[in-house]
């Protein structure tokens, strides 16, 4: 799940950067454009901070350097880390 969250944050950052570029390209600036750029900058800062935290958590969970750009759907280790549904040994009952 961390890999998915990381990819979603990276995608959001790309879109916010693109939005700011498009807003900056508008020749007539008004208060809406100025406010939108300011809000995007705040959102970018928050998303970058969250991205860094998630990358550190993932790196620590895997015990070293992690390629956070690898697709979690293609990485069997990532799926195993987040979707291990094995029942505990000697559980003696139904494990859901």
N, C-alpha and C. Protein backbone atom coordinates (compact mmCIF):
# COMPACT_ATOMS: atom_id res chain seq x y z
N UNK A 1 0.81 -1.20 0.00
CA UNK A 1 0.00 0.00 0.00
C UNK A 1 0.86 1.26 0.00
N UNK A 2 2.02 1.21 0.62
CA UNK A 2 2.88 2.38 0.63
C UNK A 2 3.29 2.77 -0.79
N UNK A 3 3.58 1.76 -1.62
CA UNK A 3 3.98 2.05 -2.98
C UNK A 3 2.87 2.76 -3.73
N UNK A 4 1.64 2.34 -3.52
CA UNK A 4 0.49 2.98 -4.17
C UNK A 4 0.34 4.42 -3.69
N UNK A 5 0.45 4.64 -2.40
CA UNK A 5 0.36 6.00 -1.85
C UNK A 5 1.46 6.89 -2.42
N UNK A 6 2.66 6.34 -2.55
CA UNK A 6 3.78 7.10 -3.10
C UNK A 6 3.50 7.48 -4.55
N UNK A 7 3.03 6.53 -5.32
CA UNK A 7 2.74 6.82 -6.74
C UNK A 7 1.62 7.85 -6.87
N UNK A 8 0.61 7.78 -6.02
CA UNK A 8 -0.48 8.75 -6.06
C UNK A 8 0.03 10.15 -5.71
N UNK A 9 0.90 10.24 -4.71
CA UNK A 9 1.48 11.54 -4.36
C UNK A 9 2.33 12.10 -5.48
N UNK A 10 3.14 11.23 -6.08
CA UNK A 10 3.98 11.68 -7.21
C UNK A 10 3.11 12.20 -8.35
N UNK A 11 2.01 11.51 -8.62
CA UNK A 11 1.10 11.93 -9.67
C UNK A 11 0.46 13.28 -9.33
N UNK A 12 0.04 13.43 -8.09
CA UNK A 12 -0.57 14.70 -7.66
C UNK A 12 0.42 15.85 -7.77
N UNK A 13 1.68 15.60 -7.44
CA UNK A 13 2.71 16.63 -7.53
C UNK A 13 2.91 17.06 -8.98
N UNK A 14 2.94 16.09 -9.88
CA UNK A 14 3.07 16.41 -11.32
C UNK A 14 1.92 17.30 -11.77
N UNK A 15 0.70 16.96 -11.37
CA UNK A 15 -0.46 17.74 -11.80
C UNK A 15 -0.49 19.13 -11.19
N UNK A 16 -0.07 19.25 -9.93
CA UNK A 16 -0.03 20.58 -9.30
C UNK A 16 1.04 21.45 -9.97
N UNK A 17 2.18 20.87 -10.29
CA UNK A 17 3.23 21.63 -11.00
C UNK A 17 2.72 22.09 -12.36
N UNK A 18 2.06 21.19 -13.08
CA UNK A 18 1.51 21.54 -14.40
C UNK A 18 0.47 22.65 -14.26
N UNK A 19 -0.37 22.55 -13.25
CA UNK A 19 -1.39 23.57 -13.02
C UNK A 19 -0.74 24.93 -12.79
N UNK A 20 0.30 24.97 -11.97
CA UNK A 20 0.98 26.24 -11.72
C UNK A 20 1.63 26.79 -12.99
N UNK A 21 2.23 25.92 -13.79
CA UNK A 21 2.82 26.37 -15.06
C UNK A 21 1.76 27.00 -15.96
N UNK A 22 0.60 26.36 -16.05
CA UNK A 22 -0.48 26.88 -16.89
C UNK A 22 -1.02 28.20 -16.34
N UNK A 23 -1.14 28.29 -15.02
CA UNK A 23 -1.63 29.52 -14.42
C UNK A 23 -0.63 30.66 -14.62
N UNK A 24 0.65 30.36 -14.53
CA UNK A 24 1.67 31.39 -14.72
C UNK A 24 1.73 31.87 -16.17
N UNK A 25 1.28 31.02 -17.09
CA UNK A 25 1.30 31.38 -18.51
C UNK A 25 0.16 32.31 -18.89
N UNK A 26 -0.85 32.42 -18.04
CA UNK A 26 -1.99 33.31 -18.32
C UNK A 26 -1.49 34.74 -18.21
N UNK A 27 -1.77 35.52 -19.24
CA UNK A 27 -1.23 36.88 -19.29
C UNK A 27 -1.94 37.84 -18.35
N UNK A 28 -3.23 37.69 -18.20
CA UNK A 28 -3.92 38.62 -17.30
C UNK A 28 -4.09 37.97 -15.94
N UNK A 29 -3.33 38.47 -15.00
CA UNK A 29 -3.39 37.93 -13.64
C UNK A 29 -4.52 38.60 -12.88
N UNK A 30 -5.28 37.80 -12.20
CA UNK A 30 -6.30 38.34 -11.31
C UNK A 30 -6.15 37.65 -9.96
N UNK A 31 -7.00 38.01 -9.03
CA UNK A 31 -6.87 37.46 -7.68
C UNK A 31 -7.11 35.95 -7.66
N UNK A 32 -7.96 35.45 -8.56
CA UNK A 32 -8.21 34.01 -8.62
C UNK A 32 -6.92 33.27 -8.96
N UNK A 33 -6.22 33.74 -9.97
CA UNK A 33 -4.98 33.07 -10.41
C UNK A 33 -3.93 33.15 -9.32
N UNK A 34 -3.77 34.30 -8.72
CA UNK A 34 -2.78 34.46 -7.65
C UNK A 34 -3.10 33.55 -6.48
N UNK A 35 -4.38 33.48 -6.09
CA UNK A 35 -4.79 32.60 -4.99
C UNK A 35 -4.59 31.13 -5.34
N UNK A 36 -4.92 30.75 -6.58
CA UNK A 36 -4.77 29.35 -7.00
C UNK A 36 -3.30 28.92 -6.96
N UNK A 37 -2.42 29.79 -7.43
CA UNK A 37 -0.98 29.48 -7.41
C UNK A 37 -0.50 29.32 -5.97
N UNK A 38 -0.94 30.22 -5.10
CA UNK A 38 -0.54 30.16 -3.68
C UNK A 38 -1.04 28.87 -3.03
N UNK A 39 -2.28 28.50 -3.31
CA UNK A 39 -2.84 27.26 -2.76
C UNK A 39 -2.09 26.04 -3.29
N UNK A 40 -1.76 26.05 -4.57
CA UNK A 40 -1.00 24.94 -5.16
C UNK A 40 0.37 24.81 -4.50
N UNK A 41 1.00 25.93 -4.21
CA UNK A 41 2.33 25.90 -3.58
C UNK A 41 2.24 25.27 -2.18
N UNK A 42 1.20 25.62 -1.46
CA UNK A 42 0.99 25.02 -0.13
C UNK A 42 0.75 23.52 -0.26
N UNK A 43 -0.11 23.14 -1.19
CA UNK A 43 -0.41 21.72 -1.41
C UNK A 43 0.85 20.96 -1.84
N UNK A 44 1.67 21.58 -2.68
CA UNK A 44 2.92 20.94 -3.11
C UNK A 44 3.85 20.69 -1.93
N UNK A 45 3.98 21.68 -1.06
CA UNK A 45 4.86 21.53 0.10
C UNK A 45 4.38 20.39 0.99
N UNK A 46 3.08 20.33 1.24
CA UNK A 46 2.50 19.28 2.08
C UNK A 46 2.71 17.90 1.44
N UNK A 47 2.48 17.81 0.13
CA UNK A 47 2.62 16.52 -0.56
C UNK A 47 4.09 16.08 -0.62
N UNK A 48 5.01 17.02 -0.81
CA UNK A 48 6.43 16.67 -0.81
C UNK A 48 6.86 16.15 0.57
N UNK A 49 6.37 16.78 1.63
CA UNK A 49 6.70 16.33 2.99
C UNK A 49 6.14 14.93 3.24
N UNK A 50 4.90 14.71 2.84
CA UNK A 50 4.28 13.38 3.02
C UNK A 50 5.01 12.33 2.18
N UNK A 51 5.37 12.69 0.96
CA UNK A 51 6.09 11.77 0.09
C UNK A 51 7.41 11.35 0.72
N UNK A 52 8.13 12.31 1.26
CA UNK A 52 9.41 11.99 1.90
C UNK A 52 9.22 11.06 3.10
N UNK A 53 8.18 11.30 3.89
CA UNK A 53 7.91 10.44 5.05
C UNK A 53 7.57 9.02 4.61
N UNK A 54 6.72 8.90 3.60
CA UNK A 54 6.35 7.56 3.12
C UNK A 54 7.54 6.82 2.52
N UNK A 55 8.38 7.53 1.80
CA UNK A 55 9.58 6.90 1.23
C UNK A 55 10.50 6.41 2.34
N UNK A 56 10.63 7.18 3.41
CA UNK A 56 11.45 6.75 4.55
C UNK A 56 10.85 5.53 5.24
N UNK A 57 9.54 5.52 5.42
CA UNK A 57 8.87 4.37 6.04
C UNK A 57 9.09 3.12 5.20
N UNK A 58 8.91 3.25 3.89
CA UNK A 58 9.09 2.11 2.99
C UNK A 58 10.54 1.64 3.01
N UNK A 59 11.47 2.56 2.97
CA UNK A 59 12.88 2.22 2.99
C UNK A 59 13.22 1.46 4.28
N UNK A 60 12.73 1.93 5.40
CA UNK A 60 12.99 1.26 6.68
C UNK A 60 12.32 -0.11 6.75
N UNK A 61 11.12 -0.22 6.20
CA UNK A 61 10.40 -1.50 6.21
C UNK A 61 11.11 -2.56 5.40
N UNK A 62 11.75 -2.13 4.31
CA UNK A 62 12.45 -3.07 3.45
C UNK A 62 13.92 -3.19 3.80
N UNK A 63 14.36 -2.42 4.78
CA UNK A 63 15.72 -2.55 5.28
C UNK A 63 16.81 -2.01 4.37
N UNK A 64 16.53 -0.95 3.66
CA UNK A 64 17.58 -0.36 2.82
C UNK A 64 17.03 0.52 1.74
N UNK A 65 17.76 0.61 0.67
CA UNK A 65 17.39 1.47 -0.45
C UNK A 65 16.22 0.85 -1.20
N UNK A 66 15.27 1.68 -1.55
CA UNK A 66 14.06 1.21 -2.23
C UNK A 66 13.86 2.03 -3.48
N UNK A 67 13.54 1.36 -4.59
CA UNK A 67 13.17 2.05 -5.82
C UNK A 67 11.68 2.34 -5.73
N UNK A 68 11.34 3.56 -5.32
CA UNK A 68 9.94 3.90 -5.09
C UNK A 68 9.18 4.09 -6.40
N UNK A 69 9.88 4.07 -7.53
CA UNK A 69 9.21 4.24 -8.81
C UNK A 69 8.83 2.91 -9.44
N UNK A 70 9.21 1.79 -8.82
CA UNK A 70 8.82 0.49 -9.34
C UNK A 70 7.34 0.29 -9.09
N UNK A 71 6.66 -0.21 -10.08
CA UNK A 71 5.22 -0.42 -9.95
C UNK A 71 4.95 -1.50 -8.91
N UNK A 72 4.04 -1.22 -7.96
CA UNK A 72 3.75 -2.22 -6.94
C UNK A 72 3.04 -3.42 -7.53
N UNK A 73 2.36 -3.24 -8.66
CA UNK A 73 1.67 -4.37 -9.28
C UNK A 73 2.67 -5.35 -9.91
N UNK A 74 3.84 -4.85 -10.30
CA UNK A 74 4.84 -5.70 -10.92
C UNK A 74 5.87 -6.20 -9.91
N UNK A 75 5.82 -5.71 -8.69
CA UNK A 75 6.80 -6.06 -7.67
C UNK A 75 6.16 -7.04 -6.69
N UNK A 76 6.44 -8.33 -6.82
CA UNK A 76 5.80 -9.31 -5.93
C UNK A 76 6.15 -9.09 -4.47
N UNK A 77 7.33 -8.53 -4.18
CA UNK A 77 7.70 -8.27 -2.79
C UNK A 77 6.81 -7.20 -2.18
N UNK A 78 6.47 -6.17 -2.96
CA UNK A 78 5.61 -5.10 -2.46
C UNK A 78 4.23 -5.65 -2.15
N UNK A 79 3.71 -6.49 -3.02
CA UNK A 79 2.39 -7.07 -2.79
C UNK A 79 2.43 -7.96 -1.54
N UNK A 80 3.50 -8.74 -1.41
CA UNK A 80 3.61 -9.63 -0.25
C UNK A 80 3.71 -8.83 1.04
N UNK A 81 4.40 -7.71 1.03
CA UNK A 81 4.53 -6.91 2.24
C UNK A 81 3.19 -6.33 2.69
N UNK A 82 2.35 -5.98 1.74
CA UNK A 82 1.12 -5.30 2.10
C UNK A 82 -0.12 -6.18 2.08
N UNK A 83 0.01 -7.38 1.51
CA UNK A 83 -1.17 -8.23 1.37
C UNK A 83 -0.93 -9.65 1.87
N UNK A 84 -0.16 -9.81 2.89
CA UNK A 84 0.11 -11.14 3.42
C UNK A 84 -1.11 -11.58 4.22
N UNK A 85 -1.83 -12.57 3.69
CA UNK A 85 -3.06 -13.03 4.37
C UNK A 85 -2.90 -14.45 4.91
N UNK A 86 -1.66 -14.85 5.12
CA UNK A 86 -1.41 -16.19 5.66
C UNK A 86 -1.95 -16.28 7.08
N UNK A 87 -2.62 -17.38 7.41
CA UNK A 87 -3.10 -17.53 8.78
C UNK A 87 -1.93 -17.80 9.71
N UNK A 88 -2.04 -17.36 10.94
CA UNK A 88 -0.98 -17.66 11.90
C UNK A 88 -0.90 -19.16 12.15
N UNK A 89 0.29 -19.65 12.48
CA UNK A 89 0.43 -21.08 12.75
C UNK A 89 -0.42 -21.47 13.95
N UNK A 90 -1.00 -22.63 13.86
CA UNK A 90 -1.83 -23.17 14.95
C UNK A 90 -2.90 -22.17 15.41
N UNK A 91 -3.58 -21.57 14.45
CA UNK A 91 -4.58 -20.56 14.82
C UNK A 91 -5.83 -21.19 15.42
N UNK A 92 -6.10 -22.45 15.05
CA UNK A 92 -7.19 -23.18 15.66
C UNK A 92 -8.57 -22.64 15.32
N UNK A 93 -8.70 -21.88 14.27
CA UNK A 93 -10.01 -21.35 13.91
C UNK A 93 -9.98 -20.73 12.53
N UNK A 94 -11.03 -20.03 12.26
CA UNK A 94 -11.16 -19.38 10.95
C UNK A 94 -10.37 -18.08 10.97
N UNK A 95 -9.59 -17.88 9.93
CA UNK A 95 -8.80 -16.66 9.81
C UNK A 95 -9.33 -15.87 8.63
N UNK A 96 -9.87 -14.69 8.89
CA UNK A 96 -10.43 -13.85 7.82
C UNK A 96 -9.57 -12.64 7.60
